[in-house]
N, C-alpha and C. Protein backbone atom coordinates (compact mmCIF):
# COMPACT_ATOMS: atom_id res chain seq x y z
N MET A 1 26.47 -2.76 -13.91
CA MET A 1 25.80 -3.88 -13.92
C MET A 1 24.55 -3.66 -14.81
N LYS A 2 24.46 -4.68 -15.86
CA LYS A 2 23.23 -4.48 -16.67
C LYS A 2 21.87 -5.25 -15.95
N ALA A 3 20.85 -4.32 -15.94
CA ALA A 3 19.57 -5.05 -15.19
C ALA A 3 18.64 -5.63 -16.45
N ASP A 4 17.96 -6.53 -16.01
CA ASP A 4 16.86 -6.95 -16.68
C ASP A 4 15.59 -6.64 -16.62
N LEU A 5 14.85 -6.45 -17.52
CA LEU A 5 13.39 -6.02 -17.43
C LEU A 5 12.59 -7.28 -17.23
N CYS A 6 12.86 -8.33 -18.00
CA CYS A 6 12.34 -9.56 -17.46
C CYS A 6 13.60 -10.64 -17.76
N PHE A 7 13.15 -11.79 -17.36
CA PHE A 7 14.31 -12.79 -17.38
C PHE A 7 14.72 -12.78 -18.78
N GLY A 8 16.20 -12.60 -19.07
CA GLY A 8 16.63 -12.71 -20.43
C GLY A 8 16.57 -11.54 -21.27
N PHE A 9 15.92 -10.43 -20.89
CA PHE A 9 15.74 -9.24 -21.61
C PHE A 9 16.17 -7.96 -20.88
N SER A 10 17.28 -7.61 -21.33
CA SER A 10 18.09 -6.49 -20.83
C SER A 10 17.47 -5.11 -21.08
N THR A 11 17.84 -4.10 -20.22
CA THR A 11 17.48 -2.74 -20.53
C THR A 11 18.15 -2.28 -21.83
N ASP A 12 19.15 -2.69 -22.13
CA ASP A 12 19.80 -2.49 -23.44
C ASP A 12 19.00 -3.04 -24.80
N LYS A 13 18.39 -4.23 -24.51
CA LYS A 13 17.65 -4.78 -25.70
C LYS A 13 16.29 -3.88 -25.86
N TRP A 14 15.74 -3.33 -24.52
CA TRP A 14 14.63 -2.56 -24.62
C TRP A 14 14.94 -1.25 -25.42
N ARG A 15 16.03 -0.53 -25.27
CA ARG A 15 16.42 0.62 -25.86
C ARG A 15 16.60 0.19 -27.42
N GLU A 16 17.01 -0.67 -27.85
CA GLU A 16 16.99 -1.05 -29.27
C GLU A 16 15.62 -1.37 -29.75
N LEU A 17 14.70 -2.03 -28.96
CA LEU A 17 13.41 -2.24 -29.44
C LEU A 17 12.48 -1.11 -29.35
N ALA A 18 12.88 -0.11 -28.35
CA ALA A 18 11.98 1.11 -28.44
C ALA A 18 12.12 1.83 -29.79
N GLU A 19 13.37 1.86 -30.25
CA GLU A 19 13.71 2.60 -31.47
C GLU A 19 12.87 2.07 -32.73
N ARG A 20 12.54 1.01 -32.51
CA ARG A 20 11.79 0.35 -33.73
C ARG A 20 10.21 0.19 -33.59
N LEU A 21 9.66 0.88 -32.55
CA LEU A 21 8.40 0.66 -32.32
C LEU A 21 7.44 1.36 -33.26
N GLY A 22 7.93 2.37 -33.77
CA GLY A 22 7.12 2.99 -34.98
C GLY A 22 7.17 2.36 -36.23
N GLN A 23 7.86 1.26 -36.41
CA GLN A 23 8.32 0.59 -37.74
C GLN A 23 7.38 -0.43 -38.08
N ASP A 24 6.93 -1.27 -37.05
CA ASP A 24 6.20 -2.29 -37.56
C ASP A 24 5.46 -2.92 -36.22
N GLU A 25 4.11 -3.57 -36.32
CA GLU A 25 3.35 -3.73 -35.12
C GLU A 25 4.06 -5.13 -34.52
N SER A 26 4.85 -5.80 -35.18
CA SER A 26 5.44 -6.98 -34.62
C SER A 26 6.45 -6.50 -33.51
N PHE A 27 6.97 -5.34 -33.55
CA PHE A 27 7.86 -4.75 -32.48
C PHE A 27 6.95 -4.50 -31.34
N TRP A 28 5.81 -3.85 -31.48
CA TRP A 28 4.83 -3.69 -30.47
C TRP A 28 4.45 -4.87 -29.77
N ALA A 29 4.23 -5.92 -30.52
CA ALA A 29 4.02 -7.17 -29.89
C ALA A 29 4.95 -7.68 -29.00
N GLU A 30 6.07 -7.58 -29.48
CA GLU A 30 7.43 -8.00 -28.66
C GLU A 30 7.41 -7.16 -27.29
N ALA A 31 7.26 -5.77 -27.47
CA ALA A 31 7.43 -4.83 -26.47
C ALA A 31 6.29 -5.17 -25.46
N ILE A 32 5.17 -5.41 -25.82
CA ILE A 32 3.85 -5.75 -24.74
C ILE A 32 4.26 -7.12 -24.04
N GLY A 33 4.67 -8.03 -24.94
CA GLY A 33 5.05 -9.28 -24.33
C GLY A 33 6.22 -9.11 -23.27
N VAL A 34 7.12 -8.32 -23.46
CA VAL A 34 8.19 -7.96 -22.39
C VAL A 34 7.54 -7.50 -21.00
N PHE A 35 6.65 -6.49 -21.20
CA PHE A 35 5.97 -5.91 -20.03
C PHE A 35 5.25 -7.01 -19.45
N GLU A 36 4.55 -7.92 -20.28
CA GLU A 36 3.79 -8.92 -19.71
C GLU A 36 4.44 -9.88 -18.95
N ARG A 37 5.68 -10.39 -19.45
CA ARG A 37 6.42 -11.33 -18.72
C ARG A 37 6.97 -10.66 -17.44
N ARG A 38 7.36 -9.23 -17.55
CA ARG A 38 7.95 -8.55 -16.31
C ARG A 38 6.81 -8.65 -15.14
N MET A 39 5.50 -8.33 -15.51
CA MET A 39 4.49 -8.23 -14.46
C MET A 39 4.38 -9.60 -13.93
N LYS A 40 4.24 -10.61 -14.68
CA LYS A 40 3.99 -11.96 -14.24
C LYS A 40 5.19 -12.32 -13.49
N GLU A 41 6.22 -12.36 -13.79
CA GLU A 41 7.49 -12.78 -13.29
C GLU A 41 7.46 -12.04 -11.62
N ARG A 42 7.42 -10.74 -11.78
CA ARG A 42 7.63 -9.86 -10.30
C ARG A 42 6.34 -10.08 -9.40
N PHE A 43 5.07 -10.23 -10.10
CA PHE A 43 4.02 -10.15 -9.17
C PHE A 43 2.94 -11.23 -9.32
N PHE A 44 2.39 -11.47 -10.51
CA PHE A 44 1.45 -12.38 -10.58
C PHE A 44 1.78 -13.89 -10.32
N SER A 45 3.06 -14.33 -10.58
CA SER A 45 3.42 -15.75 -10.42
C SER A 45 3.72 -15.74 -8.90
N CYS A 46 4.00 -14.59 -8.16
CA CYS A 46 4.22 -14.76 -6.84
C CYS A 46 2.78 -14.67 -5.98
N ILE A 47 1.82 -14.02 -6.55
CA ILE A 47 0.52 -14.14 -6.00
C ILE A 47 0.13 -15.61 -6.06
N GLU A 48 0.30 -16.34 -7.26
CA GLU A 48 -0.09 -17.50 -7.53
C GLU A 48 0.58 -18.63 -6.57
N ALA A 49 1.75 -18.30 -6.30
CA ALA A 49 2.68 -19.43 -5.40
C ALA A 49 2.03 -19.10 -3.96
N LEU A 50 1.79 -17.86 -3.63
CA LEU A 50 1.18 -17.66 -2.30
C LEU A 50 -0.06 -18.42 -2.11
N GLU A 51 -0.88 -18.22 -3.15
CA GLU A 51 -2.28 -18.73 -3.00
C GLU A 51 -2.11 -20.31 -2.83
N GLN A 52 -1.37 -20.92 -3.76
CA GLN A 52 -1.07 -22.39 -3.59
C GLN A 52 -0.51 -22.79 -2.13
N ALA A 53 0.22 -21.86 -1.40
CA ALA A 53 0.85 -22.29 -0.13
C ALA A 53 0.03 -22.01 0.87
N ASP A 54 -1.26 -21.48 0.72
CA ASP A 54 -2.17 -21.24 1.71
C ASP A 54 -2.93 -22.61 2.01
N ILE A 55 -2.76 -22.98 3.26
CA ILE A 55 -3.29 -24.25 3.68
C ILE A 55 -4.93 -24.24 4.07
N GLY A 56 -5.27 -23.19 4.11
CA GLY A 56 -6.78 -22.86 4.17
C GLY A 56 -7.33 -22.78 5.71
N GLN A 57 -6.43 -23.42 6.63
CA GLN A 57 -6.78 -23.49 8.17
C GLN A 57 -5.59 -23.57 8.87
N HIS A 58 -5.65 -23.30 10.11
CA HIS A 58 -4.39 -23.49 11.03
C HIS A 58 -4.38 -24.70 11.43
N PRO A 59 -3.09 -25.24 11.44
CA PRO A 59 -2.85 -26.70 11.61
C PRO A 59 -3.12 -26.98 13.27
N THR A 60 -3.38 -28.20 13.43
CA THR A 60 -3.70 -28.57 15.00
C THR A 60 -2.14 -28.66 15.57
N GLU A 61 -1.25 -29.00 15.05
CA GLU A 61 0.16 -29.30 15.55
C GLU A 61 0.88 -28.03 15.43
N SER A 62 1.53 -27.63 16.41
CA SER A 62 2.54 -26.29 16.32
C SER A 62 3.51 -26.69 15.63
N SER A 63 3.97 -27.73 15.21
CA SER A 63 5.18 -28.09 14.59
C SER A 63 4.95 -27.92 13.02
N VAL A 64 3.69 -27.96 12.51
CA VAL A 64 3.42 -27.88 11.28
C VAL A 64 3.22 -26.51 10.76
N PRO A 65 4.12 -26.18 9.58
CA PRO A 65 4.28 -24.67 9.11
C PRO A 65 3.06 -24.21 8.76
N CYS A 66 2.68 -22.98 9.05
CA CYS A 66 1.27 -22.31 8.71
C CYS A 66 1.66 -21.14 7.93
N CYS A 67 0.86 -21.23 6.79
CA CYS A 67 1.12 -20.04 5.84
C CYS A 67 -0.14 -19.26 5.83
N VAL A 68 -0.12 -17.88 6.05
CA VAL A 68 -1.33 -17.18 5.90
C VAL A 68 -0.83 -15.84 5.09
N PRO A 69 -1.20 -16.10 3.79
CA PRO A 69 -0.57 -15.23 2.77
C PRO A 69 -1.35 -13.89 2.31
N GLY A 70 -2.59 -13.84 3.04
CA GLY A 70 -3.60 -12.71 2.73
C GLY A 70 -2.91 -11.45 2.64
N PHE A 71 -2.02 -11.08 3.65
CA PHE A 71 -1.40 -9.74 3.83
C PHE A 71 -0.39 -9.67 2.68
N ALA A 72 0.40 -10.44 2.37
CA ALA A 72 1.34 -10.57 1.31
C ALA A 72 0.63 -10.36 -0.05
N ILE A 73 -0.54 -11.11 -0.25
CA ILE A 73 -1.06 -10.93 -1.61
C ILE A 73 -1.72 -9.67 -1.78
N VAL A 74 -2.14 -9.13 -0.80
CA VAL A 74 -2.82 -7.74 -1.04
C VAL A 74 -1.81 -6.74 -1.08
N ALA A 75 -0.70 -6.87 -0.34
CA ALA A 75 0.52 -6.02 -0.72
C ALA A 75 0.89 -6.22 -2.18
N LEU A 76 0.95 -7.25 -2.69
CA LEU A 76 1.57 -7.40 -4.26
C LEU A 76 0.40 -6.68 -5.02
N CYS A 77 -0.79 -6.85 -4.70
CA CYS A 77 -1.95 -6.35 -5.59
C CYS A 77 -1.72 -4.85 -5.45
N CYS A 78 -1.60 -4.29 -4.40
CA CYS A 78 -1.33 -2.81 -4.30
C CYS A 78 -0.11 -2.38 -5.36
N LEU A 79 0.91 -3.16 -5.38
CA LEU A 79 2.20 -2.64 -6.18
C LEU A 79 1.55 -2.87 -7.58
N VAL A 80 0.79 -3.94 -7.87
CA VAL A 80 0.35 -4.01 -9.44
C VAL A 80 -0.53 -2.66 -9.79
N ILE A 81 -1.46 -2.39 -8.76
CA ILE A 81 -2.32 -1.34 -9.10
C ILE A 81 -1.47 0.17 -9.33
N GLU A 82 -0.50 0.34 -8.38
CA GLU A 82 0.16 1.55 -8.77
C GLU A 82 1.03 1.44 -9.95
N THR A 83 1.59 0.27 -10.47
CA THR A 83 2.39 0.08 -11.52
C THR A 83 1.27 0.29 -12.87
N LEU A 84 0.27 -0.37 -12.83
CA LEU A 84 -0.61 -0.10 -13.99
C LEU A 84 -1.17 1.29 -14.08
N GLN A 85 -1.59 1.84 -13.09
CA GLN A 85 -2.10 3.13 -13.08
C GLN A 85 -1.08 4.21 -13.59
N GLY A 86 0.20 3.85 -13.08
CA GLY A 86 1.31 4.72 -13.35
C GLY A 86 1.61 4.67 -14.96
N PHE A 87 1.47 3.47 -15.44
CA PHE A 87 1.46 3.28 -17.04
C PHE A 87 0.46 3.93 -17.77
N ARG A 88 -0.70 4.01 -17.18
CA ARG A 88 -1.75 4.68 -17.74
C ARG A 88 -1.81 6.21 -17.64
N GLU A 89 -1.22 6.75 -16.66
CA GLU A 89 -1.20 8.22 -16.36
C GLU A 89 0.19 8.77 -16.30
N GLY A 90 0.94 8.17 -16.12
CA GLY A 90 2.45 8.79 -15.89
C GLY A 90 2.40 9.35 -14.19
N ALA A 91 3.16 10.36 -14.05
CA ALA A 91 3.35 11.03 -12.88
C ALA A 91 2.53 12.30 -12.90
N SER A 92 1.53 12.23 -13.53
CA SER A 92 0.64 13.48 -13.50
C SER A 92 -0.16 13.95 -12.33
N ARG A 93 -0.57 12.98 -11.59
CA ARG A 93 -1.18 13.22 -10.34
C ARG A 93 -0.48 12.43 -9.28
N LYS A 94 -0.89 12.85 -7.86
CA LYS A 94 -0.27 12.15 -6.74
C LYS A 94 -0.93 11.00 -6.63
N THR A 95 0.05 9.88 -6.19
CA THR A 95 -0.23 8.38 -6.14
C THR A 95 -1.26 8.16 -5.66
N GLU A 96 -1.77 8.69 -4.45
CA GLU A 96 -3.21 8.39 -3.83
C GLU A 96 -4.26 8.64 -4.55
N LYS A 97 -4.46 9.60 -5.52
CA LYS A 97 -5.49 9.96 -6.41
C LYS A 97 -5.47 8.92 -7.49
N GLN A 98 -4.30 8.61 -8.02
CA GLN A 98 -4.19 7.67 -9.12
C GLN A 98 -4.61 6.26 -8.67
N PHE A 99 -4.39 5.82 -7.34
CA PHE A 99 -4.93 4.67 -6.75
C PHE A 99 -6.29 4.75 -6.74
N VAL A 100 -6.97 5.71 -6.30
CA VAL A 100 -8.45 5.79 -6.06
C VAL A 100 -9.12 5.66 -7.57
N GLU A 101 -8.47 6.27 -8.49
CA GLU A 101 -8.86 6.16 -9.81
C GLU A 101 -9.03 4.80 -10.49
N PHE A 102 -7.89 4.03 -10.11
CA PHE A 102 -7.72 2.68 -10.57
C PHE A 102 -8.75 1.88 -9.98
N LEU A 103 -9.11 2.11 -8.61
CA LEU A 103 -10.08 1.39 -7.97
C LEU A 103 -11.49 1.33 -8.56
N LYS A 104 -11.71 2.46 -9.37
CA LYS A 104 -13.03 2.64 -9.90
C LYS A 104 -12.90 1.73 -11.36
N ARG A 105 -12.18 1.08 -11.65
CA ARG A 105 -12.26 0.63 -13.06
C ARG A 105 -13.22 -0.54 -12.97
N PRO A 106 -13.63 -1.15 -14.12
CA PRO A 106 -14.74 -1.95 -14.48
C PRO A 106 -14.54 -3.15 -13.56
N ALA A 107 -13.31 -4.03 -13.65
CA ALA A 107 -13.15 -5.12 -12.98
C ALA A 107 -13.65 -5.22 -11.48
N PHE A 108 -13.51 -4.10 -10.74
CA PHE A 108 -13.67 -3.95 -9.42
C PHE A 108 -15.31 -3.89 -9.04
N ALA A 109 -16.03 -3.95 -10.22
CA ALA A 109 -17.52 -4.09 -10.13
C ALA A 109 -18.21 -3.13 -9.14
N GLY A 110 -17.62 -1.78 -9.05
CA GLY A 110 -18.39 -0.89 -8.24
C GLY A 110 -18.08 -1.03 -6.63
N ALA A 111 -17.16 -1.91 -6.33
CA ALA A 111 -16.74 -2.09 -4.90
C ALA A 111 -16.12 -0.69 -4.27
N PHE A 112 -15.46 -0.03 -4.97
CA PHE A 112 -14.98 1.36 -4.75
C PHE A 112 -15.80 2.68 -5.25
N ALA A 113 -17.11 2.33 -5.66
CA ALA A 113 -17.59 3.60 -6.37
C ALA A 113 -17.78 4.75 -5.56
N ASP A 114 -18.07 4.37 -4.18
CA ASP A 114 -17.87 5.41 -3.13
C ASP A 114 -16.68 6.01 -2.83
N ASP A 115 -16.51 7.19 -2.97
CA ASP A 115 -14.99 7.80 -2.97
C ASP A 115 -14.47 7.46 -1.38
N LYS A 116 -15.47 7.57 -0.68
CA LYS A 116 -15.15 7.30 0.88
C LYS A 116 -14.70 5.97 1.26
N VAL A 117 -14.97 4.80 0.50
CA VAL A 117 -14.49 3.65 0.65
C VAL A 117 -13.20 3.51 0.03
N ALA A 118 -13.12 4.09 -1.23
CA ALA A 118 -11.86 4.06 -2.09
C ALA A 118 -10.72 4.71 -1.37
N GLU A 119 -11.01 5.96 -0.84
CA GLU A 119 -10.06 6.68 -0.08
C GLU A 119 -9.60 5.89 1.23
N CYS A 120 -10.75 5.40 1.94
CA CYS A 120 -10.38 4.49 3.31
C CYS A 120 -9.30 3.51 2.95
N PHE A 121 -9.71 2.82 1.57
CA PHE A 121 -8.79 1.71 1.17
C PHE A 121 -7.30 2.10 1.11
N VAL A 122 -7.20 3.37 0.56
CA VAL A 122 -5.74 3.77 0.21
C VAL A 122 -5.12 4.13 1.53
N LYS A 123 -5.90 4.81 2.47
CA LYS A 123 -5.30 5.02 3.83
C LYS A 123 -5.03 3.94 4.63
N GLY A 124 -6.08 2.87 4.69
CA GLY A 124 -6.08 1.85 5.73
C GLY A 124 -5.27 0.56 4.94
N VAL A 125 -5.36 0.56 3.78
CA VAL A 125 -4.76 -0.77 3.40
C VAL A 125 -3.44 -0.42 2.71
N ARG A 126 -3.51 0.30 1.50
CA ARG A 126 -2.33 0.62 0.83
C ARG A 126 -1.01 1.30 1.72
N ASN A 127 -1.59 2.62 2.22
CA ASN A 127 -0.62 3.25 3.19
C ASN A 127 -0.31 2.41 4.40
N GLY A 128 -1.23 1.74 4.94
CA GLY A 128 -1.07 1.08 6.19
C GLY A 128 -0.05 -0.06 5.88
N ILE A 129 -0.13 -0.89 4.84
CA ILE A 129 0.78 -2.06 4.51
C ILE A 129 2.16 -1.36 4.16
N PHE A 130 2.13 -0.19 3.27
CA PHE A 130 3.67 0.11 2.66
C PHE A 130 4.51 0.88 3.89
N HIS A 131 3.60 1.73 4.59
CA HIS A 131 4.23 2.53 5.54
C HIS A 131 4.40 2.03 7.05
N GLU A 132 3.44 1.20 7.40
CA GLU A 132 3.42 0.65 8.85
C GLU A 132 3.45 -0.91 8.97
N ALA A 133 3.46 -1.42 7.76
CA ALA A 133 3.17 -3.20 7.73
C ALA A 133 2.02 -3.64 8.50
N GLU A 134 0.97 -2.91 8.50
CA GLU A 134 -0.38 -3.28 8.98
C GLU A 134 -1.39 -2.51 8.18
N THR A 135 -2.57 -3.17 8.38
CA THR A 135 -3.83 -2.43 7.83
C THR A 135 -4.53 -1.78 8.95
N ARG A 136 -5.20 -0.80 8.74
CA ARG A 136 -6.05 0.20 9.75
C ARG A 136 -7.36 0.20 9.39
N LYS A 137 -8.22 -0.46 10.29
CA LYS A 137 -9.79 -0.62 10.13
C LYS A 137 -10.13 -1.46 8.87
N TRP A 138 -9.16 -2.42 8.39
CA TRP A 138 -9.53 -3.25 7.61
C TRP A 138 -9.00 -4.83 7.82
N LEU A 139 -9.76 -5.74 7.64
CA LEU A 139 -9.58 -7.16 8.00
C LEU A 139 -9.49 -7.84 6.64
N ILE A 140 -8.59 -8.44 6.42
CA ILE A 140 -8.23 -9.18 5.12
C ILE A 140 -8.83 -10.63 5.41
N ARG A 141 -9.74 -10.96 4.46
CA ARG A 141 -10.00 -12.47 4.60
C ARG A 141 -9.96 -12.99 3.25
N ARG A 142 -10.03 -14.29 3.10
CA ARG A 142 -9.81 -14.94 1.90
C ARG A 142 -10.96 -14.81 0.92
N GLY A 143 -12.11 -15.02 1.05
CA GLY A 143 -13.20 -14.79 0.02
C GLY A 143 -13.29 -15.68 -0.95
N LYS A 144 -14.39 -16.09 -1.58
CA LYS A 144 -14.45 -16.84 -2.59
C LYS A 144 -14.20 -16.20 -4.23
N PRO A 145 -13.74 -16.97 -5.13
CA PRO A 145 -13.99 -16.18 -6.40
C PRO A 145 -15.43 -15.70 -6.70
N GLY A 146 -15.35 -14.44 -7.32
CA GLY A 146 -16.56 -13.80 -7.66
C GLY A 146 -17.49 -13.08 -6.54
N ALA A 147 -16.90 -13.40 -5.29
CA ALA A 147 -17.70 -12.70 -3.99
C ALA A 147 -17.41 -11.17 -4.24
N ALA A 148 -18.11 -10.44 -3.34
CA ALA A 148 -17.91 -9.12 -3.11
C ALA A 148 -16.67 -8.92 -2.70
N ILE A 149 -15.85 -7.74 -3.16
CA ILE A 149 -14.43 -7.56 -2.77
C ILE A 149 -14.46 -6.76 -1.27
N VAL A 150 -15.52 -5.84 -1.18
CA VAL A 150 -15.54 -5.31 0.19
C VAL A 150 -16.88 -5.42 0.85
N SER A 151 -16.68 -5.52 2.15
CA SER A 151 -18.12 -5.58 2.91
C SER A 151 -17.88 -4.58 4.38
N LYS A 152 -18.90 -4.09 4.82
CA LYS A 152 -18.80 -3.25 5.97
C LYS A 152 -18.65 -4.14 7.19
N ASP A 153 -17.79 -3.68 8.19
CA ASP A 153 -17.57 -4.54 9.36
C ASP A 153 -17.45 -3.41 10.60
N ASP A 154 -18.53 -3.22 11.37
CA ASP A 154 -18.44 -2.45 12.22
C ASP A 154 -18.01 -0.94 11.92
N ASP A 155 -16.92 -0.36 12.43
CA ASP A 155 -16.48 0.77 12.11
C ASP A 155 -15.31 0.85 11.02
N GLY A 156 -15.15 -0.34 10.46
CA GLY A 156 -14.15 -0.67 9.30
C GLY A 156 -14.75 -1.49 8.07
N TYR A 157 -13.92 -2.14 7.59
CA TYR A 157 -14.09 -2.96 6.42
C TYR A 157 -13.60 -4.25 6.29
N ILE A 158 -14.17 -5.32 5.69
CA ILE A 158 -13.58 -6.64 5.43
C ILE A 158 -13.14 -6.54 3.97
N LEU A 159 -12.05 -6.92 3.61
CA LEU A 159 -11.41 -7.06 2.26
C LEU A 159 -11.37 -8.57 2.07
N LYS A 160 -11.93 -9.01 0.95
CA LYS A 160 -11.69 -10.28 0.19
C LYS A 160 -10.61 -10.35 -0.79
N ARG A 161 -9.49 -10.99 -0.40
CA ARG A 161 -8.41 -10.81 -1.34
C ARG A 161 -8.25 -11.86 -2.40
N VAL A 162 -8.97 -12.82 -2.46
CA VAL A 162 -9.38 -13.50 -3.72
C VAL A 162 -9.96 -12.85 -4.91
N PRO A 163 -11.16 -12.22 -4.65
CA PRO A 163 -11.82 -11.40 -5.70
C PRO A 163 -10.98 -10.06 -6.01
N LEU A 164 -10.26 -9.60 -4.80
CA LEU A 164 -9.52 -8.50 -5.18
C LEU A 164 -8.32 -8.85 -6.21
N SER A 165 -7.67 -9.93 -6.18
CA SER A 165 -6.57 -10.23 -6.93
C SER A 165 -7.17 -10.75 -8.29
N GLU A 166 -8.59 -11.33 -8.26
CA GLU A 166 -8.96 -11.61 -9.61
C GLU A 166 -9.20 -10.28 -10.40
N ALA A 167 -9.69 -9.31 -9.64
CA ALA A 167 -10.19 -8.00 -10.23
C ALA A 167 -8.63 -7.28 -10.79
N VAL A 168 -7.74 -7.26 -10.05
CA VAL A 168 -6.32 -6.77 -10.30
C VAL A 168 -5.96 -7.46 -11.79
N LYS A 169 -6.00 -8.61 -11.63
CA LYS A 169 -5.38 -9.45 -12.88
C LYS A 169 -6.38 -9.15 -14.17
N GLN A 170 -7.78 -9.04 -13.87
CA GLN A 170 -8.50 -8.81 -15.15
C GLN A 170 -8.27 -7.30 -15.84
N GLU A 171 -7.79 -6.53 -14.85
CA GLU A 171 -7.49 -5.21 -15.23
C GLU A 171 -6.23 -5.08 -16.04
N PHE A 172 -5.14 -6.00 -15.57
CA PHE A 172 -4.02 -6.35 -16.17
C PHE A 172 -4.19 -6.67 -17.57
N GLU A 173 -4.92 -7.76 -17.51
CA GLU A 173 -5.30 -8.32 -19.10
C GLU A 173 -6.07 -7.37 -19.92
N SER A 174 -6.85 -6.30 -19.53
CA SER A 174 -7.51 -5.26 -20.11
C SER A 174 -6.47 -4.35 -20.64
N TYR A 175 -5.60 -4.25 -19.78
CA TYR A 175 -4.59 -3.04 -20.28
C TYR A 175 -3.73 -3.67 -21.55
N LEU A 176 -3.47 -5.00 -21.23
CA LEU A 176 -2.62 -5.45 -22.53
C LEU A 176 -3.46 -5.40 -23.70
N ARG A 177 -4.73 -5.89 -23.78
CA ARG A 177 -5.51 -5.75 -24.95
C ARG A 177 -5.69 -4.46 -25.37
N GLU A 178 -5.71 -3.42 -24.47
CA GLU A 178 -5.73 -2.06 -25.03
C GLU A 178 -4.38 -1.76 -25.59
N LEU A 179 -3.40 -1.99 -25.29
CA LEU A 179 -2.06 -1.79 -25.81
C LEU A 179 -1.91 -2.39 -27.17
N CYS A 180 -2.43 -3.48 -27.39
CA CYS A 180 -2.42 -4.30 -28.78
C CYS A 180 -3.12 -3.49 -29.75
N LYS A 181 -4.17 -2.50 -29.44
CA LYS A 181 -4.58 -1.78 -30.63
C LYS A 181 -3.95 -0.58 -31.03
N PRO A 182 -3.47 -0.36 -32.30
CA PRO A 182 -2.69 0.58 -32.76
C PRO A 182 -3.41 1.98 -32.62
N LEU A 183 -4.69 2.08 -32.68
CA LEU A 183 -5.35 3.24 -32.52
C LEU A 183 -5.21 3.98 -31.04
N ASN A 184 -4.62 3.23 -30.02
CA ASN A 184 -4.57 3.63 -28.82
C ASN A 184 -3.17 4.27 -28.80
N THR A 185 -3.01 5.37 -29.29
CA THR A 185 -1.64 6.14 -29.57
C THR A 185 -1.20 6.52 -28.18
N GLU A 186 -2.02 7.40 -27.40
CA GLU A 186 -1.80 8.11 -26.24
C GLU A 186 -1.36 7.01 -25.21
N LEU A 187 -2.07 5.93 -25.24
CA LEU A 187 -1.66 4.81 -24.11
C LEU A 187 -0.37 4.29 -24.54
N ARG A 188 -0.04 4.12 -25.81
CA ARG A 188 1.19 3.58 -26.26
C ARG A 188 2.31 4.48 -25.85
N GLU A 189 1.99 5.53 -26.26
CA GLU A 189 3.07 6.68 -25.94
C GLU A 189 3.49 6.79 -24.60
N MET A 190 2.58 6.63 -23.67
CA MET A 190 2.72 6.62 -22.13
C MET A 190 3.34 5.46 -21.82
N PHE A 191 2.93 4.25 -22.37
CA PHE A 191 3.66 2.93 -22.22
C PHE A 191 5.23 3.16 -22.45
N LYS A 192 5.38 3.60 -23.38
CA LYS A 192 6.86 3.53 -24.08
C LYS A 192 7.67 4.65 -23.00
N LYS A 193 7.05 5.68 -22.46
CA LYS A 193 7.68 6.50 -21.72
C LYS A 193 8.06 5.71 -20.29
N GLN A 194 7.02 5.17 -19.85
CA GLN A 194 7.17 4.65 -18.59
C GLN A 194 8.42 3.46 -18.59
N MET A 195 8.28 2.84 -19.76
CA MET A 195 9.33 1.70 -19.88
C MET A 195 10.82 2.32 -19.99
N ASN A 196 10.86 3.56 -20.81
CA ASN A 196 12.03 4.29 -20.83
C ASN A 196 12.53 4.74 -19.52
N GLU A 197 11.51 5.14 -18.79
CA GLU A 197 11.85 5.70 -17.32
C GLU A 197 12.43 4.53 -16.57
N ILE A 198 12.01 3.41 -16.51
CA ILE A 198 12.53 2.20 -15.80
C ILE A 198 13.97 2.05 -16.35
N CYS A 199 14.24 2.12 -17.53
CA CYS A 199 15.53 1.82 -18.09
C CYS A 199 16.57 2.81 -17.64
N LYS A 200 15.92 4.04 -17.39
CA LYS A 200 16.94 5.25 -16.90
C LYS A 200 17.53 4.63 -15.52
N GLY A 201 16.61 4.12 -14.69
CA GLY A 201 17.12 3.66 -13.45
C GLY A 201 17.90 2.40 -13.14
N SER A 202 17.96 1.96 -14.43
CA SER A 202 18.98 0.52 -14.28
C SER A 202 20.21 0.77 -14.74
């Protein structure tokens, strides 16, 4: 069975495209577009759909459906973080260290500048969601666009998922811009390697 990297673009098509990447910039533009579509289809469109489904308050009637998407949105953000940092670094370091490194990128505006907070996020949010389907000493709140991503709360923290998802999206867009620059040869080589690895498993 042939898998698709994104809708309508198979792994076989990628293998053909990968062979042409050194020939012309137009092939790189196509490759970056494939990755962008893949990420939007799998993650960002889902985050947007969940945000739109959020009714913002609990209904007064028990028969009215209630959508509380914060947990799912943060889980998707964690998947995006792992994906993007994996494309930047490959498998050179443990996942948790890569995750901490990504949280220090510019779009997070210093929210995780303290290693203690970043490591606590990895253990309490990333690991908690992926391994136990719950967060540990972290509360997830909606928050407003542009608000602080993290705030202290007694013996734990409050995570604002709207500014978190904004920061993750900004870093995604930053990565795409970096890939578009021919001088970023190491970044492009890692990108190609990671895409080839995805195709191996398909």
